[in-house]
Amino acid sequence: MKKDTSQQTYTTRLQTLQGKKWKEKLDVQRPYRWNIRRLKLGKTLDIGCGIGRNLENLNKKSVGLDHNLHSVEVSKSKGLIAFTPNQFKSSKYNKKGSFDSILMAHVIEHLNPAEAKKIISQYLPYLKKSGCIVIICPQEKGFSSDETHVTYFDSIKISKLLEQLGLTITKTYSFPFVKHIGKVFTYNETIVIAKY
């Protein structure tokens, strides 16, 4: 049975995982912040922004969306622009073709392929015609570490999904280490970038 990611318990879990003292002391998020910043995504629609971990490192005009109201409130408490999908619809940011990029980091693995395709296609019109979409998913060890994960997406599955939506793949890579490390290292990620 699919676990619910829309409740306060999921937000609390994200805060607990991110706020561990040893993680703060060692600054384990530094490479991931660097990776997001080096992509130079411009004004970004961060779909599945959670508690704002990536949103904090994007262009200040970026907007986060999450179905978890509790996570949205945490993001807003950090001074970030964030909404639930329904709140976004009635916001001034609901403008087609107004974003340089879409980021979906650690989102589609919580969905089946049909759901992932539906959500991506729903938000593609918000991209500028020259915009890009970035999908980030956990690799094997990271996928198995969370009971709310539904579908394992590797670079081939992600690329196929995006190509079905008419996007052109421009880059795929493993981060921070080569792909086979993802079998033992929980935080190795698959990253796929595509142009609209």
N, C-alpha and C. Protein backbone atom coordinates (compact mmCIF):
# COMPACT_ATOMS: atom_id res chain seq x y z
N MET A 1 0.84 -1.19 0.00
CA MET A 1 0.00 0.00 0.00
C MET A 1 0.89 1.25 0.00
N LYS A 2 0.54 2.20 -0.83
CA LYS A 2 1.29 3.45 -0.95
C LYS A 2 1.15 4.29 0.32
N LYS A 3 2.29 4.71 0.88
CA LYS A 3 2.28 5.53 2.09
C LYS A 3 1.98 6.98 1.74
N ASP A 4 1.34 7.68 2.65
CA ASP A 4 0.90 9.06 2.44
C ASP A 4 2.02 10.04 2.75
N THR A 5 2.33 10.91 1.79
CA THR A 5 3.36 11.94 1.99
C THR A 5 2.75 13.32 2.22
N SER A 6 1.43 13.37 2.42
CA SER A 6 0.77 14.68 2.56
C SER A 6 0.50 15.06 4.02
N GLN A 7 0.92 14.23 4.95
CA GLN A 7 0.60 14.46 6.36
C GLN A 7 1.75 15.15 7.12
N GLN A 8 1.41 15.67 8.29
CA GLN A 8 2.39 16.30 9.17
C GLN A 8 3.55 15.35 9.50
N THR A 9 3.25 14.06 9.64
CA THR A 9 4.29 13.08 9.99
C THR A 9 5.39 13.04 8.93
N TYR A 10 5.03 13.22 7.66
CA TYR A 10 6.05 13.20 6.61
C TYR A 10 6.91 14.47 6.68
N THR A 11 6.28 15.61 6.93
CA THR A 11 7.04 16.85 7.09
C THR A 11 7.99 16.74 8.27
N THR A 12 7.52 16.21 9.37
CA THR A 12 8.36 16.03 10.56
C THR A 12 9.53 15.11 10.25
N ARG A 13 9.28 14.06 9.48
CA ARG A 13 10.35 13.14 9.08
C ARG A 13 11.43 13.89 8.29
N LEU A 14 11.00 14.72 7.32
CA LEU A 14 11.96 15.49 6.52
C LEU A 14 12.78 16.44 7.41
N GLN A 15 12.11 17.10 8.33
CA GLN A 15 12.81 18.02 9.22
C GLN A 15 13.81 17.28 10.12
N THR A 16 13.41 16.13 10.61
CA THR A 16 14.28 15.33 11.48
C THR A 16 15.51 14.86 10.71
N LEU A 17 15.29 14.34 9.50
CA LEU A 17 16.42 13.86 8.69
C LEU A 17 17.38 14.99 8.35
N GLN A 18 16.84 16.14 7.97
CA GLN A 18 17.68 17.26 7.58
C GLN A 18 18.38 17.90 8.77
N GLY A 19 17.74 17.85 9.94
CA GLY A 19 18.26 18.58 11.10
C GLY A 19 19.19 17.81 12.02
N LYS A 20 19.59 16.62 11.62
CA LYS A 20 20.51 15.86 12.47
C LYS A 20 21.80 16.64 12.66
N LYS A 21 22.25 16.71 13.91
CA LYS A 21 23.43 17.53 14.26
C LYS A 21 24.68 17.13 13.48
N TRP A 22 24.92 15.81 13.32
CA TRP A 22 26.13 15.39 12.61
C TRP A 22 26.08 15.83 11.15
N LYS A 23 24.88 15.87 10.55
CA LYS A 23 24.75 16.32 9.17
C LYS A 23 25.07 17.81 9.05
N GLU A 24 24.60 18.58 10.04
CA GLU A 24 24.88 20.02 10.05
C GLU A 24 26.37 20.27 10.27
N LYS A 25 26.95 19.53 11.21
CA LYS A 25 28.36 19.72 11.55
C LYS A 25 29.28 19.40 10.36
N LEU A 26 28.97 18.33 9.67
CA LEU A 26 29.77 17.92 8.51
C LEU A 26 29.35 18.62 7.22
N ASP A 27 28.25 19.38 7.28
CA ASP A 27 27.71 20.09 6.11
C ASP A 27 27.55 19.14 4.92
N VAL A 28 26.86 18.04 5.16
CA VAL A 28 26.71 17.00 4.13
C VAL A 28 25.93 17.48 2.91
N GLN A 29 25.17 18.55 3.05
CA GLN A 29 24.39 19.05 1.91
C GLN A 29 25.20 19.93 0.97
N ARG A 30 26.42 20.27 1.35
CA ARG A 30 27.22 21.19 0.53
C ARG A 30 27.35 20.76 -0.94
N PRO A 31 27.71 19.49 -1.23
CA PRO A 31 27.82 19.12 -2.65
C PRO A 31 26.50 19.22 -3.40
N TYR A 32 25.40 18.94 -2.71
CA TYR A 32 24.09 18.97 -3.36
C TYR A 32 23.67 20.42 -3.64
N ARG A 33 23.97 21.32 -2.70
CA ARG A 33 23.71 22.75 -2.93
C ARG A 33 24.52 23.23 -4.12
N TRP A 34 25.79 22.85 -4.15
CA TRP A 34 26.68 23.24 -5.25
C TRP A 34 26.12 22.73 -6.59
N ASN A 35 25.67 21.49 -6.60
CA ASN A 35 25.16 20.90 -7.83
C ASN A 35 23.93 21.65 -8.34
N ILE A 36 23.02 22.00 -7.44
CA ILE A 36 21.81 22.75 -7.84
C ILE A 36 22.21 24.13 -8.38
N ARG A 37 23.12 24.80 -7.68
CA ARG A 37 23.51 26.16 -8.09
C ARG A 37 24.24 26.16 -9.43
N ARG A 38 25.08 25.16 -9.66
CA ARG A 38 25.86 25.16 -10.91
C ARG A 38 25.00 24.93 -12.14
N LEU A 39 23.80 24.41 -11.95
CA LEU A 39 22.89 24.22 -13.09
C LEU A 39 22.34 25.54 -13.62
N LYS A 40 22.44 26.60 -12.80
CA LYS A 40 21.98 27.94 -13.22
C LYS A 40 20.59 27.87 -13.85
N LEU A 41 19.64 27.45 -13.04
CA LEU A 41 18.28 27.18 -13.52
C LEU A 41 17.41 28.42 -13.68
N GLY A 42 17.86 29.57 -13.21
CA GLY A 42 17.06 30.78 -13.32
C GLY A 42 15.81 30.67 -12.47
N LYS A 43 14.78 31.38 -12.87
CA LYS A 43 13.50 31.33 -12.14
C LYS A 43 12.90 29.94 -12.33
N THR A 44 12.77 29.21 -11.22
CA THR A 44 12.43 27.79 -11.27
C THR A 44 11.11 27.50 -10.58
N LEU A 45 10.34 26.59 -11.16
CA LEU A 45 9.17 26.03 -10.52
C LEU A 45 9.61 24.72 -9.90
N ASP A 46 9.75 24.70 -8.58
CA ASP A 46 10.25 23.53 -7.84
C ASP A 46 9.05 22.70 -7.40
N ILE A 47 8.75 21.68 -8.18
CA ILE A 47 7.58 20.84 -7.92
C ILE A 47 7.97 19.74 -6.93
N GLY A 48 7.24 19.69 -5.83
CA GLY A 48 7.60 18.77 -4.75
C GLY A 48 8.71 19.37 -3.90
N CYS A 49 8.58 20.65 -3.60
CA CYS A 49 9.64 21.38 -2.91
C CYS A 49 9.86 20.94 -1.47
N GLY A 50 8.90 20.20 -0.90
CA GLY A 50 9.05 19.74 0.47
C GLY A 50 9.24 20.92 1.42
N ILE A 51 10.25 20.81 2.28
CA ILE A 51 10.50 21.86 3.28
C ILE A 51 11.49 22.91 2.77
N GLY A 52 11.72 22.92 1.46
CA GLY A 52 12.49 24.00 0.83
C GLY A 52 13.98 23.80 0.71
N ARG A 53 14.45 22.58 0.88
CA ARG A 53 15.90 22.33 0.84
C ARG A 53 16.54 22.81 -0.47
N ASN A 54 15.94 22.49 -1.60
CA ASN A 54 16.48 22.97 -2.88
C ASN A 54 16.04 24.39 -3.18
N LEU A 55 14.82 24.72 -2.82
CA LEU A 55 14.26 26.05 -3.09
C LEU A 55 15.14 27.15 -2.49
N GLU A 56 15.74 26.88 -1.35
CA GLU A 56 16.63 27.85 -0.70
C GLU A 56 17.85 28.18 -1.55
N ASN A 57 18.20 27.29 -2.48
CA ASN A 57 19.42 27.44 -3.28
C ASN A 57 19.15 27.81 -4.73
N LEU A 58 17.90 28.12 -5.01
CA LEU A 58 17.52 28.52 -6.36
C LEU A 58 17.39 30.04 -6.43
N ASN A 59 17.24 30.56 -7.64
CA ASN A 59 16.96 31.97 -7.88
C ASN A 59 15.84 32.43 -6.93
N LYS A 60 15.98 33.60 -6.35
CA LYS A 60 15.03 34.10 -5.35
C LYS A 60 13.61 34.28 -5.90
N LYS A 61 13.46 34.34 -7.22
CA LYS A 61 12.12 34.45 -7.81
C LYS A 61 11.47 33.08 -8.01
N SER A 62 12.16 32.03 -7.64
CA SER A 62 11.64 30.67 -7.82
C SER A 62 10.45 30.42 -6.90
N VAL A 63 9.61 29.47 -7.33
CA VAL A 63 8.38 29.14 -6.62
C VAL A 63 8.35 27.65 -6.34
N GLY A 64 8.01 27.29 -5.11
CA GLY A 64 7.89 25.89 -4.74
C GLY A 64 6.44 25.45 -4.68
N LEU A 65 6.20 24.21 -5.08
CA LEU A 65 4.87 23.60 -4.97
C LEU A 65 5.01 22.28 -4.22
N ASP A 66 4.08 22.00 -3.35
CA ASP A 66 4.06 20.70 -2.69
C ASP A 66 2.63 20.40 -2.26
N HIS A 67 2.25 19.14 -2.35
CA HIS A 67 0.89 18.75 -1.95
C HIS A 67 0.74 18.69 -0.43
N ASN A 68 1.86 18.74 0.29
CA ASN A 68 1.84 18.68 1.75
C ASN A 68 1.80 20.10 2.32
N LEU A 69 0.64 20.50 2.80
CA LEU A 69 0.46 21.85 3.34
C LEU A 69 1.44 22.15 4.47
N HIS A 70 1.74 21.15 5.28
CA HIS A 70 2.66 21.33 6.41
C HIS A 70 4.07 21.66 5.90
N SER A 71 4.50 20.98 4.84
CA SER A 71 5.81 21.26 4.24
C SER A 71 5.84 22.64 3.61
N VAL A 72 4.75 23.02 2.96
CA VAL A 72 4.64 24.36 2.36
C VAL A 72 4.79 25.42 3.45
N GLU A 73 4.15 25.21 4.58
CA GLU A 73 4.24 26.17 5.68
C GLU A 73 5.68 26.28 6.20
N VAL A 74 6.39 25.17 6.26
CA VAL A 74 7.80 25.21 6.68
C VAL A 74 8.61 26.02 5.67
N SER A 75 8.38 25.80 4.40
CA SER A 75 9.09 26.56 3.35
C SER A 75 8.81 28.05 3.49
N LYS A 76 7.55 28.39 3.68
CA LYS A 76 7.18 29.81 3.83
C LYS A 76 7.82 30.42 5.06
N SER A 77 7.96 29.64 6.14
CA SER A 77 8.58 30.16 7.37
C SER A 77 10.05 30.50 7.16
N LYS A 78 10.64 29.97 6.10
CA LYS A 78 12.03 30.27 5.74
C LYS A 78 12.12 31.47 4.80
N GLY A 79 10.97 32.09 4.51
CA GLY A 79 10.95 33.23 3.61
C GLY A 79 10.89 32.86 2.14
N LEU A 80 10.56 31.61 1.86
CA LEU A 80 10.50 31.13 0.47
C LEU A 80 9.08 31.29 -0.08
N ILE A 81 8.97 31.32 -1.39
CA ILE A 81 7.66 31.40 -2.05
C ILE A 81 7.21 29.97 -2.32
N ALA A 82 6.16 29.54 -1.64
CA ALA A 82 5.71 28.15 -1.77
C ALA A 82 4.20 28.08 -1.63
N PHE A 83 3.63 27.10 -2.34
CA PHE A 83 2.18 26.92 -2.36
C PHE A 83 1.83 25.44 -2.47
N THR A 84 0.61 25.11 -2.08
CA THR A 84 0.04 23.84 -2.50
C THR A 84 -0.41 24.06 -3.95
N PRO A 85 -0.66 23.01 -4.71
CA PRO A 85 -1.13 23.21 -6.10
C PRO A 85 -2.39 24.08 -6.19
N ASN A 86 -3.33 23.91 -5.28
CA ASN A 86 -4.56 24.73 -5.32
C ASN A 86 -4.26 26.19 -5.01
N GLN A 87 -3.38 26.45 -4.05
CA GLN A 87 -3.00 27.82 -3.73
C GLN A 87 -2.30 28.47 -4.92
N PHE A 88 -1.46 27.70 -5.61
CA PHE A 88 -0.72 28.20 -6.76
C PHE A 88 -1.67 28.66 -7.86
N LYS A 89 -2.74 27.91 -8.08
CA LYS A 89 -3.71 28.25 -9.13
C LYS A 89 -4.27 29.65 -8.97
N SER A 90 -4.46 30.07 -7.74
CA SER A 90 -5.05 31.40 -7.51
C SER A 90 -3.99 32.46 -7.17
N SER A 91 -2.72 32.12 -7.34
CA SER A 91 -1.65 33.08 -7.02
C SER A 91 -1.25 33.89 -8.25
N LYS A 92 -0.52 34.96 -8.01
CA LYS A 92 -0.03 35.80 -9.11
C LYS A 92 1.07 35.10 -9.92
N TYR A 93 1.59 33.99 -9.40
CA TYR A 93 2.67 33.26 -10.09
C TYR A 93 2.13 32.26 -11.11
N ASN A 94 0.83 32.10 -11.16
CA ASN A 94 0.19 31.16 -12.08
C ASN A 94 0.14 31.78 -13.48
N LYS A 95 1.31 31.79 -14.14
CA LYS A 95 1.42 32.37 -15.48
C LYS A 95 2.14 31.39 -16.38
N LYS A 96 1.49 30.99 -17.43
CA LYS A 96 2.09 30.06 -18.39
C LYS A 96 3.32 30.71 -19.03
N GLY A 97 4.33 29.91 -19.30
CA GLY A 97 5.55 30.39 -19.97
C GLY A 97 6.38 31.35 -19.15
N SER A 98 6.26 31.31 -17.82
CA SER A 98 6.96 32.31 -17.01
C SER A 98 8.19 31.78 -16.25
N PHE A 99 8.48 30.49 -16.37
CA PHE A 99 9.61 29.91 -15.64
C PHE A 99 10.72 29.46 -16.59
N ASP A 100 11.95 29.69 -16.17
CA ASP A 100 13.11 29.25 -16.95
C ASP A 100 13.30 27.74 -16.86
N SER A 101 12.89 27.16 -15.74
CA SER A 101 13.08 25.73 -15.55
C SER A 101 12.06 25.16 -14.57
N ILE A 102 11.95 23.84 -14.62
CA ILE A 102 11.16 23.08 -13.66
C ILE A 102 12.13 22.11 -13.00
N LEU A 103 12.06 22.02 -11.69
CA LEU A 103 12.86 21.07 -10.94
C LEU A 103 11.91 20.11 -10.24
N MET A 104 12.18 18.82 -10.39
CA MET A 104 11.46 17.79 -9.64
C MET A 104 12.52 16.90 -9.01
N ALA A 105 12.89 17.23 -7.79
CA ALA A 105 13.94 16.49 -7.07
C ALA A 105 13.31 15.59 -6.02
N HIS A 106 13.53 14.31 -6.19
CA HIS A 106 13.01 13.30 -5.25
C HIS A 106 11.49 13.38 -5.16
N VAL A 107 10.87 13.36 -6.35
CA VAL A 107 9.41 13.43 -6.44
C VAL A 107 8.85 12.22 -7.17
N ILE A 108 9.30 11.96 -8.40
CA ILE A 108 8.61 10.96 -9.22
C ILE A 108 8.74 9.54 -8.70
N GLU A 109 9.73 9.28 -7.86
CA GLU A 109 9.85 7.93 -7.29
C GLU A 109 8.71 7.63 -6.30
N HIS A 110 7.98 8.67 -5.91
CA HIS A 110 6.81 8.50 -5.04
C HIS A 110 5.55 8.20 -5.85
N LEU A 111 5.69 8.10 -7.17
CA LEU A 111 4.56 7.94 -8.07
C LEU A 111 4.74 6.75 -8.99
N ASN A 112 3.65 6.31 -9.61
CA ASN A 112 3.80 5.34 -10.69
C ASN A 112 4.06 6.14 -11.97
N PRO A 113 4.54 5.49 -13.03
CA PRO A 113 4.89 6.24 -14.25
C PRO A 113 3.75 7.09 -14.82
N ALA A 114 2.52 6.59 -14.79
CA ALA A 114 1.39 7.35 -15.33
C ALA A 114 1.15 8.62 -14.51
N GLU A 115 1.26 8.51 -13.19
CA GLU A 115 1.08 9.69 -12.33
C GLU A 115 2.19 10.71 -12.57
N ALA A 116 3.42 10.20 -12.70
CA ALA A 116 4.56 11.10 -12.95
C ALA A 116 4.37 11.85 -14.26
N LYS A 117 3.97 11.13 -15.29
CA LYS A 117 3.75 11.74 -16.61
C LYS A 117 2.65 12.80 -16.54
N LYS A 118 1.58 12.51 -15.81
CA LYS A 118 0.46 13.45 -15.69
C LYS A 118 0.91 14.74 -15.00
N ILE A 119 1.66 14.62 -13.92
CA ILE A 119 2.09 15.82 -13.18
C ILE A 119 3.06 16.65 -14.02
N ILE A 120 4.01 15.98 -14.67
CA ILE A 120 4.97 16.73 -15.51
C ILE A 120 4.23 17.46 -16.62
N SER A 121 3.33 16.76 -17.31
CA SER A 121 2.61 17.39 -18.42
C SER A 121 1.72 18.54 -17.94
N GLN A 122 1.21 18.44 -16.73
CA GLN A 122 0.37 19.49 -16.15
C GLN A 122 1.15 20.80 -15.98
N TYR A 123 2.44 20.70 -15.65
CA TYR A 123 3.23 21.90 -15.36
C TYR A 123 4.15 22.33 -16.51
N LEU A 124 4.30 21.53 -17.54
CA LEU A 124 5.14 21.92 -18.68
C LEU A 124 4.74 23.26 -19.29
N PRO A 125 3.46 23.58 -19.40
CA PRO A 125 3.09 24.88 -19.99
C PRO A 125 3.65 26.09 -19.23
N TYR A 126 4.09 25.90 -18.01
CA TYR A 126 4.65 27.02 -17.24
C TYR A 126 6.09 27.32 -17.63
N LEU A 127 6.70 26.43 -18.40
CA LEU A 127 8.06 26.64 -18.87
C LEU A 127 8.10 27.59 -20.05
N LYS A 128 9.14 28.41 -20.09
CA LYS A 128 9.40 29.20 -21.30
C LYS A 128 9.76 28.22 -22.41
N LYS A 129 9.59 28.64 -23.64
CA LYS A 129 9.85 27.74 -24.78
C LYS A 129 11.28 27.22 -24.82
N SER A 130 12.22 27.97 -24.30
CA SER A 130 13.61 27.50 -24.29
C SER A 130 13.99 26.88 -22.95
N GLY A 131 13.00 26.67 -22.09
CA GLY A 131 13.26 26.20 -20.74
C GLY A 131 13.69 24.76 -20.64
N CYS A 132 14.12 24.39 -19.44
CA CYS A 132 14.54 23.01 -19.21
C CYS A 132 13.83 22.43 -17.99
N ILE A 133 13.82 21.12 -17.94
CA ILE A 133 13.29 20.40 -16.79
C ILE A 133 14.40 19.52 -16.25
N VAL A 134 14.52 19.50 -14.93
CA VAL A 134 15.54 18.69 -14.26
C VAL A 134 14.82 17.71 -13.34
N ILE A 135 15.09 16.42 -13.54
CA ILE A 135 14.52 15.38 -12.70
C ILE A 135 15.68 14.75 -11.91
N ILE A 136 15.52 14.67 -10.60
CA ILE A 136 16.52 14.04 -9.74
C ILE A 136 15.83 12.93 -8.95
N CYS A 137 16.40 11.73 -9.02
CA CYS A 137 15.85 10.58 -8.32
C CYS A 137 16.95 9.84 -7.56
N PRO A 138 16.57 9.18 -6.47
CA PRO A 138 17.56 8.38 -5.75
C PRO A 138 17.92 7.13 -6.56
N GLN A 139 19.12 6.63 -6.32
CA GLN A 139 19.51 5.36 -6.94
C GLN A 139 19.09 4.20 -6.03
N GLU A 140 19.56 3.00 -6.29
CA GLU A 140 19.03 1.79 -5.66
C GLU A 140 18.95 1.87 -4.13
N LYS A 141 20.05 2.20 -3.47
CA LYS A 141 20.08 2.21 -2.00
C LYS A 141 19.15 3.29 -1.45
N GLY A 142 19.15 4.45 -2.06
CA GLY A 142 18.26 5.53 -1.63
C GLY A 142 16.80 5.18 -1.85
N PHE A 143 16.52 4.52 -2.97
CA PHE A 143 15.14 4.12 -3.26
C PHE A 143 14.61 3.19 -2.17
N SER A 144 15.43 2.24 -1.77
CA SER A 144 14.97 1.25 -0.77
C SER A 144 14.93 1.82 0.65
N SER A 145 15.43 3.04 0.85
CA SER A 145 15.51 3.61 2.19
C SER A 145 14.22 4.31 2.65
N ASP A 146 13.24 4.41 1.76
CA ASP A 146 12.03 5.18 2.09
C ASP A 146 10.80 4.38 1.67
N GLU A 147 9.96 4.06 2.63
CA GLU A 147 8.78 3.24 2.34
C GLU A 147 7.72 3.98 1.54
N THR A 148 7.88 5.29 1.34
CA THR A 148 6.92 6.03 0.51
C THR A 148 7.30 5.98 -0.97
N HIS A 149 8.45 5.41 -1.29
CA HIS A 149 8.86 5.28 -2.70
C HIS A 149 8.05 4.17 -3.37
N VAL A 150 7.62 4.45 -4.59
CA VAL A 150 6.73 3.54 -5.32
C VAL A 150 7.41 2.93 -6.54
N THR A 151 8.10 3.75 -7.34
CA THR A 151 8.68 3.30 -8.60
C THR A 151 10.15 3.68 -8.67
N TYR A 152 11.00 2.70 -9.01
CA TYR A 152 12.41 3.00 -9.18
C TYR A 152 12.62 3.55 -10.60
N PHE A 153 13.13 4.77 -10.69
CA PHE A 153 13.42 5.40 -11.99
C PHE A 153 14.93 5.54 -12.14
N ASP A 154 15.48 4.87 -13.16
CA ASP A 154 16.88 5.10 -13.52
C ASP A 154 16.90 6.12 -14.66
N SER A 155 18.07 6.44 -15.17
CA SER A 155 18.17 7.47 -16.21
C SER A 155 17.42 7.07 -17.49
N ILE A 156 17.37 5.79 -17.78
CA ILE A 156 16.67 5.32 -18.99
C ILE A 156 15.16 5.54 -18.85
N LYS A 157 14.61 5.16 -17.69
CA LYS A 157 13.17 5.33 -17.47
C LYS A 157 12.78 6.81 -17.43
N ILE A 158 13.62 7.62 -16.79
CA ILE A 158 13.33 9.06 -16.72
C ILE A 158 13.37 9.65 -18.13
N SER A 159 14.42 9.32 -18.88
CA SER A 159 14.57 9.84 -20.24
C SER A 159 13.39 9.45 -21.12
N LYS A 160 12.98 8.20 -21.02
CA LYS A 160 11.85 7.72 -21.82
C LYS A 160 10.58 8.50 -21.47
N LEU A 161 10.35 8.71 -20.19
CA LEU A 161 9.18 9.47 -19.74
C LEU A 161 9.18 10.89 -20.31
N LEU A 162 10.32 11.56 -20.24
CA LEU A 162 10.41 12.93 -20.74
C LEU A 162 10.29 12.98 -22.26
N GLU A 163 10.88 12.02 -22.95
CA GLU A 163 10.79 11.99 -24.41
C GLU A 163 9.35 11.76 -24.86
N GLN A 164 8.59 10.97 -24.11
CA GLN A 164 7.17 10.75 -24.43
C GLN A 164 6.38 12.06 -24.36
N LEU A 165 6.89 13.01 -23.58
CA LEU A 165 6.23 14.31 -23.44
C LEU A 165 6.78 15.35 -24.42
N GLY A 166 7.62 14.89 -25.35
CA GLY A 166 8.14 15.77 -26.39
C GLY A 166 9.38 16.56 -26.00
N LEU A 167 10.02 16.18 -24.90
CA LEU A 167 11.22 16.87 -24.46
C LEU A 167 12.47 16.21 -25.05
N THR A 168 13.54 16.99 -25.15
CA THR A 168 14.80 16.49 -25.68
C THR A 168 15.82 16.39 -24.55
N ILE A 169 16.35 15.21 -24.34
CA ILE A 169 17.32 14.99 -23.27
C ILE A 169 18.63 15.67 -23.66
N THR A 170 19.18 16.48 -22.74
CA THR A 170 20.44 17.17 -23.01
C THR A 170 21.58 16.63 -22.15
N LYS A 171 21.25 16.03 -21.00
CA LYS A 171 22.31 15.51 -20.14
C LYS A 171 21.74 14.53 -19.12
N THR A 172 22.49 13.47 -18.85
CA THR A 172 22.17 12.56 -17.75
C THR A 172 23.47 12.30 -17.01
N TYR A 173 23.38 12.24 -15.68
CA TYR A 173 24.58 11.92 -14.91
C TYR A 173 24.22 11.42 -13.52
N SER A 174 25.21 10.83 -12.88
CA SER A 174 25.09 10.34 -11.52
C SER A 174 25.84 11.31 -10.61
N PHE A 175 25.25 11.57 -9.43
CA PHE A 175 25.87 12.55 -8.52
C PHE A 175 25.67 12.12 -7.08
N PRO A 176 26.60 12.27 -6.18
CA PRO A 176 27.93 12.84 -6.38
C PRO A 176 28.97 11.83 -6.89
N PHE A 177 28.59 10.55 -6.91
CA PHE A 177 29.53 9.52 -7.34
C PHE A 177 29.00 8.78 -8.56
N VAL A 178 29.84 7.95 -9.17
CA VAL A 178 29.42 7.15 -10.33
C VAL A 178 28.28 6.23 -9.93
N LYS A 179 27.51 5.80 -10.91
CA LYS A 179 26.25 5.10 -10.66
C LYS A 179 26.38 3.85 -9.79
N HIS A 180 27.39 3.04 -9.97
CA HIS A 180 27.43 1.78 -9.19
C HIS A 180 27.55 2.02 -7.68
N ILE A 181 27.99 3.22 -7.29
CA ILE A 181 28.06 3.56 -5.86
C ILE A 181 26.65 3.68 -5.28
N GLY A 182 25.67 3.97 -6.13
CA GLY A 182 24.29 4.09 -5.69
C GLY A 182 23.68 2.81 -5.16
N LYS A 183 24.36 1.69 -5.37
CA LYS A 183 23.89 0.42 -4.81
C LYS A 183 24.17 0.32 -3.32
N VAL A 184 25.15 1.12 -2.84
CA VAL A 184 25.52 1.05 -1.42
C VAL A 184 25.44 2.39 -0.70
N PHE A 185 25.43 3.50 -1.46
CA PHE A 185 25.40 4.84 -0.86
C PHE A 185 24.01 5.43 -1.04
N THR A 186 23.33 5.66 0.07
CA THR A 186 21.93 6.10 0.06
C THR A 186 21.71 7.40 -0.70
N TYR A 187 22.69 8.30 -0.70
CA TYR A 187 22.46 9.65 -1.22
C TYR A 187 23.00 9.88 -2.64
N ASN A 188 23.28 8.82 -3.38
CA ASN A 188 23.67 8.97 -4.78
C ASN A 188 22.41 9.20 -5.60
N GLU A 189 22.50 10.12 -6.54
CA GLU A 189 21.32 10.53 -7.31
C GLU A 189 21.52 10.36 -8.81
N THR A 190 20.42 10.10 -9.49
CA THR A 190 20.38 10.12 -10.95
C THR A 190 19.76 11.45 -11.36
N ILE A 191 20.42 12.15 -12.28
CA ILE A 191 19.95 13.46 -12.72
C ILE A 191 19.78 13.46 -14.23
N VAL A 192 18.61 13.88 -14.67
CA VAL A 192 18.30 13.96 -16.11
C VAL A 192 17.82 15.38 -16.40
N ILE A 193 18.43 15.98 -17.42
CA ILE A 193 18.06 17.35 -17.83
C ILE A 193 17.53 17.28 -19.26
N ALA A 194 16.41 17.94 -19.50
CA ALA A 194 15.80 17.94 -20.83
C ALA A 194 15.33 19.34 -21.19
N LYS A 195 15.33 19.63 -22.48
CA LYS A 195 14.86 20.92 -23.00
C LYS A 195 13.43 20.79 -23.49
N TYR A 196 12.69 21.86 -23.30
CA TYR A 196 11.29 21.93 -23.72
C TYR A 196 11.22 22.25 -25.21
